[in-house]
C-alpha atoms as a PDB file:
ATOM      1  CA  MET A   1       0.000   0.000   0.000  1.00  0.00           C
ATOM      2  CA  LYS A   2       1.174   3.521  -0.795  1.00  0.00           C
ATOM      3  CA  ILE A   3       2.010   5.977   2.014  1.00  0.00           C
ATOM      4  CA  VAL A   4       1.227   9.675   1.485  1.00  0.00           C
ATOM      5  CA  TRP A   5       2.297  12.323   3.995  1.00  0.00           C
ATOM      6  CA  SER A   6       0.086  15.403   4.362  1.00  0.00           C
ATOM      7  CA  PRO A   7       1.779  18.814   4.448  1.00  0.00           C
ATOM      8  CA  LEU A   8       0.629  19.121   8.081  1.00  0.00           C
ATOM      9  CA  ALA A   9       2.294  15.823   9.049  1.00  0.00           C
ATOM     10  CA  ILE A  10       5.533  16.897   7.366  1.00  0.00           C
ATOM     11  CA  ASP A  11       5.433  20.273   9.132  1.00  0.00           C
ATOM     12  CA  LYS A  12       4.727  18.720  12.544  1.00  0.00           C
ATOM     13  CA  THR A  13       7.510  16.161  12.117  1.00  0.00           C
ATOM     14  CA  SER A  14       9.934  18.926  11.208  1.00  0.00           C
ATOM     15  CA  GLU A  15       8.841  21.136  14.132  1.00  0.00           C
ATOM     16  CA  ILE A  16       9.209  18.319  16.644  1.00  0.00           C
ATOM     17  CA  ALA A  17      12.600  17.279  15.249  1.00  0.00           C
ATOM     18  CA  ASP A  18      13.829  20.889  15.412  1.00  0.00           C
ATOM     19  CA  TYR A  19      12.720  21.100  19.039  1.00  0.00           C
ATOM     20  CA  ILE A  20      14.481  17.841  19.956  1.00  0.00           C
ATOM     21  CA  ALA A  21      17.615  18.931  18.061  1.00  0.00           C
ATOM     22  CA  LYS A  22      17.976  21.973  20.313  1.00  0.00           C
ATOM     23  CA  ASP A  23      19.086  19.579  23.037  1.00  0.00           C
ATOM     24  CA  LYS A  24      20.653  16.797  20.984  1.00  0.00           C
ATOM     25  CA  LEU A  25      20.909  16.544  17.216  1.00  0.00           C
ATOM     26  CA  SER A  26      21.531  12.791  17.254  1.00  0.00           C
ATOM     27  CA  ALA A  27      18.341  12.249  19.285  1.00  0.00           C
ATOM     28  CA  ALA A  28      16.352  14.229  16.717  1.00  0.00           C
ATOM     29  CA  LYS A  29      17.763  12.159  13.860  1.00  0.00           C
ATOM     30  CA  LYS A  30      16.969   8.948  15.737  1.00  0.00           C
ATOM     31  CA  TRP A  31      13.419  10.157  16.465  1.00  0.00           C
ATOM     32  CA  VAL A  32      12.752  10.990  12.805  1.00  0.00           C
ATOM     33  CA  GLY A  33      14.188   7.656  11.692  1.00  0.00           C
ATOM     34  CA  THR A  34      11.950   5.787  14.090  1.00  0.00           C
ATOM     35  CA  ILE A  35       8.884   7.759  12.987  1.00  0.00           C
ATOM     36  CA  PHE A  36       9.558   6.749   9.376  1.00  0.00           C
ATOM     37  CA  SER A  37      10.133   3.121  10.416  1.00  0.00           C
ATOM     38  CA  LYS A  38       6.822   3.050  12.279  1.00  0.00           C
ATOM     39  CA  VAL A  39       5.018   4.526   9.282  1.00  0.00           C
ATOM     40  CA  ASP A  40       6.650   2.003   6.918  1.00  0.00           C
ATOM     41  CA  GLN A  41       5.118  -0.811   8.985  1.00  0.00           C
ATOM     42  CA  LEU A  42       1.704   0.396   7.860  1.00  0.00           C
ATOM     43  CA  LYS A  43       2.367  -0.768   4.287  1.00  0.00           C
ATOM     44  CA  GLU A  44       2.064  -4.396   5.426  1.00  0.00           C
ATOM     45  CA  SER A  45      -0.318  -3.957   8.360  1.00  0.00           C
ATOM     46  CA  PRO A  46      -2.407  -0.780   8.029  1.00  0.00           C
ATOM     47  CA  GLU A  47      -4.698  -1.708  10.908  1.00  0.00           C
ATOM     48  CA  ILE A  48      -1.966  -2.140  13.542  1.00  0.00           C
ATOM     49  CA  GLY A  49      -2.799   1.245  15.027  1.00  0.00           C
ATOM     50  CA  ARG A  50      -5.688   1.806  17.369  1.00  0.00           C
ATOM     51  CA  ILE A  51      -8.771   3.773  16.349  1.00  0.00           C
ATOM     52  CA  VAL A  52      -8.371   7.471  17.198  1.00  0.00           C
ATOM     53  CA  PRO A  53     -10.596   7.900  20.290  1.00  0.00           C
ATOM     54  CA  GLU A  54     -11.653  11.465  19.439  1.00  0.00           C
ATOM     55  CA  ILE A  55     -13.024  10.366  16.064  1.00  0.00           C
ATOM     56  CA  ASN A  56     -14.071   6.740  16.670  1.00  0.00           C
ATOM     57  CA  LYS A  57     -14.139   5.784  12.976  1.00  0.00           C
ATOM     58  CA  SER A  58     -12.206   2.700  11.906  1.00  0.00           C
ATOM     59  CA  GLN A  59     -10.394   4.400   9.015  1.00  0.00           C
ATOM     60  CA  PHE A  60      -8.791   6.959  11.388  1.00  0.00           C
ATOM     61  CA  ARG A  61      -6.032   5.272  13.388  1.00  0.00           C
ATOM     62  CA  GLU A  62      -2.929   6.105  15.341  1.00  0.00           C
ATOM     63  CA  ILE A  63       0.359   4.538  16.291  1.00  0.00           C
ATOM     64  CA  LEU A  64       1.909   5.646  19.544  1.00  0.00           C
ATOM     65  CA  TYR A  65       5.652   6.238  19.740  1.00  0.00           C
ATOM     66  CA  GLY A  66       6.939   7.520  23.056  1.00  0.00           C
ATOM     67  CA  ASN A  67       4.943  10.643  23.825  1.00  0.00           C
ATOM     68  CA  TYR A  68       3.764  11.081  20.235  1.00  0.00           C
ATOM     69  CA  ARG A  69       0.745  10.038  18.194  1.00  0.00           C
ATOM     70  CA  ILE A  70       1.160   9.277  14.503  1.00  0.00           C
ATOM     71  CA  ILE A  71      -2.351   9.796  13.180  1.00  0.00           C
ATOM     72  CA  TYR A  72      -3.315   8.329   9.822  1.00  0.00           C
ATOM     73  CA  ARG A  73      -6.281   7.441   7.632  1.00  0.00           C
ATOM     74  CA  ILE A  74      -6.698   4.160   5.781  1.00  0.00           C
ATOM     75  CA  GLU A  75      -8.037   4.752   2.287  1.00  0.00           C
ATOM     76  CA  LYS A  76      -8.766   2.436  -0.623  1.00  0.00           C
ATOM     77  CA  ASN A  77      -5.334   2.546  -2.279  1.00  0.00           C
ATOM     78  CA  GLN A  78      -3.214   4.447   0.212  1.00  0.00           C
ATOM     79  CA  ILE A  79      -2.509   5.350   3.793  1.00  0.00           C
ATOM     80  CA  SER A  80      -2.496   9.074   4.507  1.00  0.00           C
ATOM     81  CA  ILE A  81      -0.324  10.275   7.380  1.00  0.00           C
ATOM     82  CA  LEU A  82      -2.404  13.161   8.699  1.00  0.00           C
ATOM     83  CA  THR A  83      -0.459  14.598  11.630  1.00  0.00           C
ATOM     84  CA  ILE A  84       1.910  13.876  14.481  1.00  0.00           C
ATOM     85  CA  ARG A  85       1.059  15.215  17.906  1.00  0.00           C
ATOM     86  CA  HIS A  86       2.414  15.087  21.413  1.00  0.00           C
ATOM     87  CA  CYS A  87       0.070  12.974  23.547  1.00  0.00           C
ATOM     88  CA  LYS A  88      -0.654  15.912  25.859  1.00  0.00           C
ATOM     89  CA  GLN A  89      -1.782  18.194  23.014  1.00  0.00           C
ATOM     90  CA  ILE A  90      -5.431  18.519  22.155  1.00  0.00           C
ATOM     91  CA  LEU A  91      -6.128  17.056  18.723  1.00  0.00           C
ATOM     92  CA  PRO A  92      -7.924  19.670  16.586  1.00  0.00           C
ATOM     93  CA  ILE A  93     -10.301  17.392  14.678  1.00  0.00           C
ATOM     94  CA  ASN A  94     -10.797  19.978  11.909  1.00  0.00           C
ATOM     95  CA  GLU A  95      -7.093  19.649  11.009  1.00  0.00           C
ATOM     96  CA  ILE A  96      -7.469  16.015  10.007  1.00  0.00           C
ATOM     97  CA  MET A  97     -11.109  15.709   8.925  1.00  0.00           C
ATOM     98  CA  THR A  98     -10.689  17.771   5.754  1.00  0.00           C
END
């Protein structure tokens, strides 16, 4: 299955990596690498993530990595990575339900 990253997901990943890099560049690189590895797993098993509780629709799922949520949507021919959020942040539903 094809993986497509939304502009929001790319921006959030970059913002988080920049924040982590302020303390330790190698930790930021490792974090980004792991995020991409987690997302790659979706090609073989798109339903490994849990249903996003705020939405409660089976096509909207998330994988947890540390303190972060990788939120994605399963579509007919692709998986769309919608956003990445810290677990303590409120998830603005309008950002991902467009």
